[in-house]
Each structure stands twice: as structure tokens, then as C-alpha cells.
Amino acid sequence: MSAAGSSEVVSIRILDREYTVGVEPGEQDSLRSAARLLDNRMRDVRGANRMAAVDRVAVLAALNLAHELQQLREQTERREHELARTLGELQRKLDALLDA
């Protein structure tokens, strides 16, 4: 989302409320996809309780999404660490073969 003068205006709907958001050119589809994800999560959190406070539903949905993001970051960090370790081992083996 952008506050710059080059942003484009996009209307999105979340829990049947319309919001107008500025985005960088070319990012409209990504924003709409993110809005659909948030809308779905908020609907899941709200469930059948139509009287649930929208701010509480939004915070719980955001917390769920932030938790998933944190888990993905941790997975990525572990994979990068494992890849670096494996590449280091391969480099040592290659060096040993070249030194022989």
C-alpha cells in the first residue's frame, strides 16, 4: 500500500464493508488477493456470530495471519540454514577431491 503520488486507487470489500486503498501500479491483483484472504479469515473467525465486534474479529484474523507468517519465516530460516550446511559439506568434499 502506498501513500505516494504514483499510487492507484483500488476498492476492496472486507466483511461487506468497502475500503479504498492506494497501491503501487501493478500491485492491484496482489492487494485484491490479500483482501480476499483477509475477508475469508475474518469470516472464519466470526463464524456464525454475526454480532461479533468487527475490531475483535479483525485483530484475531490478523493474529492468525501473523502467526502463520512467523511460522513460514522460521521454516525458511531453517531451510536456509540446512541448505548452507549442505553446501558447505559439498564444498569441503569437492575441495578434498581437488586436493587429492
Protein backbone atom coordinates (compact mmCIF):
# COMPACT_ATOMS: atom_id res chain seq x y z
CA MET A 1 0.00 0.00 0.00
CA SER A 2 1.25 3.39 -0.86
CA ALA A 3 0.86 6.97 0.20
CA ALA A 4 2.97 8.23 -2.70
CA GLY A 5 1.57 10.30 -5.53
CA SER A 6 2.11 7.47 -8.02
CA SER A 7 -0.34 5.15 -6.27
CA GLU A 8 -3.51 3.86 -7.86
CA VAL A 9 -6.82 3.63 -6.02
CA VAL A 10 -8.41 0.20 -5.54
CA SER A 11 -11.71 -0.59 -3.85
CA ILE A 12 -11.87 -3.78 -1.82
CA ARG A 13 -14.60 -5.39 0.29
CA ILE A 14 -13.94 -6.99 3.66
CA LEU A 15 -16.85 -8.30 5.73
CA ASP A 16 -19.28 -6.48 3.45
CA ARG A 17 -17.58 -3.14 4.04
CA GLU A 18 -15.90 -1.28 1.23
CA TYR A 19 -12.44 0.23 1.62
CA THR A 20 -10.47 2.38 -0.80
CA VAL A 21 -6.74 1.76 -0.76
CA GLY A 22 -3.82 3.24 -2.68
CA VAL A 23 -1.35 0.77 -4.17
CA GLU A 24 1.67 0.96 -6.43
CA PRO A 25 0.95 0.43 -10.13
CA GLY A 26 0.83 -3.28 -10.94
CA GLU A 27 0.03 -4.36 -7.36
CA GLN A 28 -3.76 -4.27 -7.64
CA ASP A 29 -4.17 -8.02 -8.15
CA SER A 30 -1.94 -8.79 -5.19
CA LEU A 31 -3.91 -6.41 -2.98
CA ARG A 32 -7.22 -7.90 -4.10
CA SER A 33 -5.88 -11.38 -3.35
CA ALA A 34 -4.74 -10.25 0.11
CA ALA A 35 -8.15 -8.68 0.71
CA ARG A 36 -9.90 -11.94 -0.22
CA LEU A 37 -7.62 -13.84 2.16
CA LEU A 38 -8.34 -11.40 4.98
CA ASP A 39 -12.07 -11.43 4.25
CA ASN A 40 -12.12 -15.24 4.36
CA ARG A 41 -10.14 -15.33 7.60
CA MET A 42 -12.35 -12.74 9.23
CA ARG A 43 -15.44 -14.69 8.18
CA ASP A 44 -13.91 -17.86 9.63
CA VAL A 45 -13.11 -16.10 12.92
CA ARG A 46 -16.54 -14.53 13.11
CA GLY A 47 -18.25 -17.81 12.26
CA ALA A 48 -21.98 -17.80 12.87
CA ASN A 49 -21.69 -14.96 15.40
CA ARG A 50 -22.81 -12.04 13.24
CA MET A 51 -22.81 -9.82 16.33
CA ALA A 52 -19.09 -10.24 16.98
CA ALA A 53 -17.28 -6.91 17.16
CA VAL A 54 -15.56 -6.23 13.84
CA ASP A 55 -12.43 -4.89 15.55
CA ARG A 56 -12.08 -8.08 17.62
CA VAL A 57 -12.64 -10.24 14.53
CA ALA A 58 -10.03 -8.19 12.64
CA VAL A 59 -7.44 -8.48 15.43
CA LEU A 60 -7.93 -12.24 15.77
CA ALA A 61 -7.73 -12.74 11.99
CA ALA A 62 -4.59 -10.56 11.83
CA LEU A 63 -3.06 -12.51 14.73
CA ASN A 64 -3.74 -15.80 12.95
CA LEU A 65 -2.18 -14.49 9.74
CA ALA A 66 0.82 -13.04 11.60
CA HIS A 67 1.34 -16.38 13.35
CA GLU A 68 1.31 -18.21 10.01
CA LEU A 69 3.76 -15.67 8.60
CA GLN A 70 6.08 -16.17 11.58
CA GLN A 71 5.94 -19.95 11.13
CA LEU A 72 6.79 -19.59 7.43
CA ARG A 73 9.71 -17.29 8.26
CA GLU A 74 11.03 -19.81 10.79
CA GLN A 75 10.67 -22.66 8.26
CA THR A 76 12.50 -20.60 5.66
CA GLU A 77 15.28 -19.80 8.12
CA ARG A 78 15.68 -23.50 9.00
CA ARG A 79 15.74 -24.46 5.31
CA GLU A 80 18.30 -21.77 4.52
CA HIS A 81 20.47 -22.95 7.42
CA GLU A 82 20.19 -26.58 6.25
CA LEU A 83 20.98 -25.57 2.66
CA ALA A 84 24.04 -23.59 3.79
CA ARG A 85 25.22 -26.58 5.86
CA THR A 86 24.72 -28.97 2.93
CA LEU A 87 26.52 -26.62 0.52
CA GLY A 88 29.38 -26.30 3.00
CA GLU A 89 29.71 -30.09 3.18
CA LEU A 90 29.64 -30.39 -0.60
CA GLN A 91 32.27 -27.65 -0.89
CA ARG A 92 34.53 -29.49 1.59
CA LYS A 93 34.11 -32.75 -0.32
CA LEU A 94 34.84 -31.03 -3.62
CA ASP A 95 37.94 -29.36 -2.12
CA ALA A 96 39.11 -32.73 -0.80
CA LEU A 97 38.66 -34.32 -4.23
CA LEU A 98 40.52 -31.47 -5.95
CA ASP A 99 43.38 -31.65 -3.42
CA ALA A 100 43.80 -35.41 -3.92
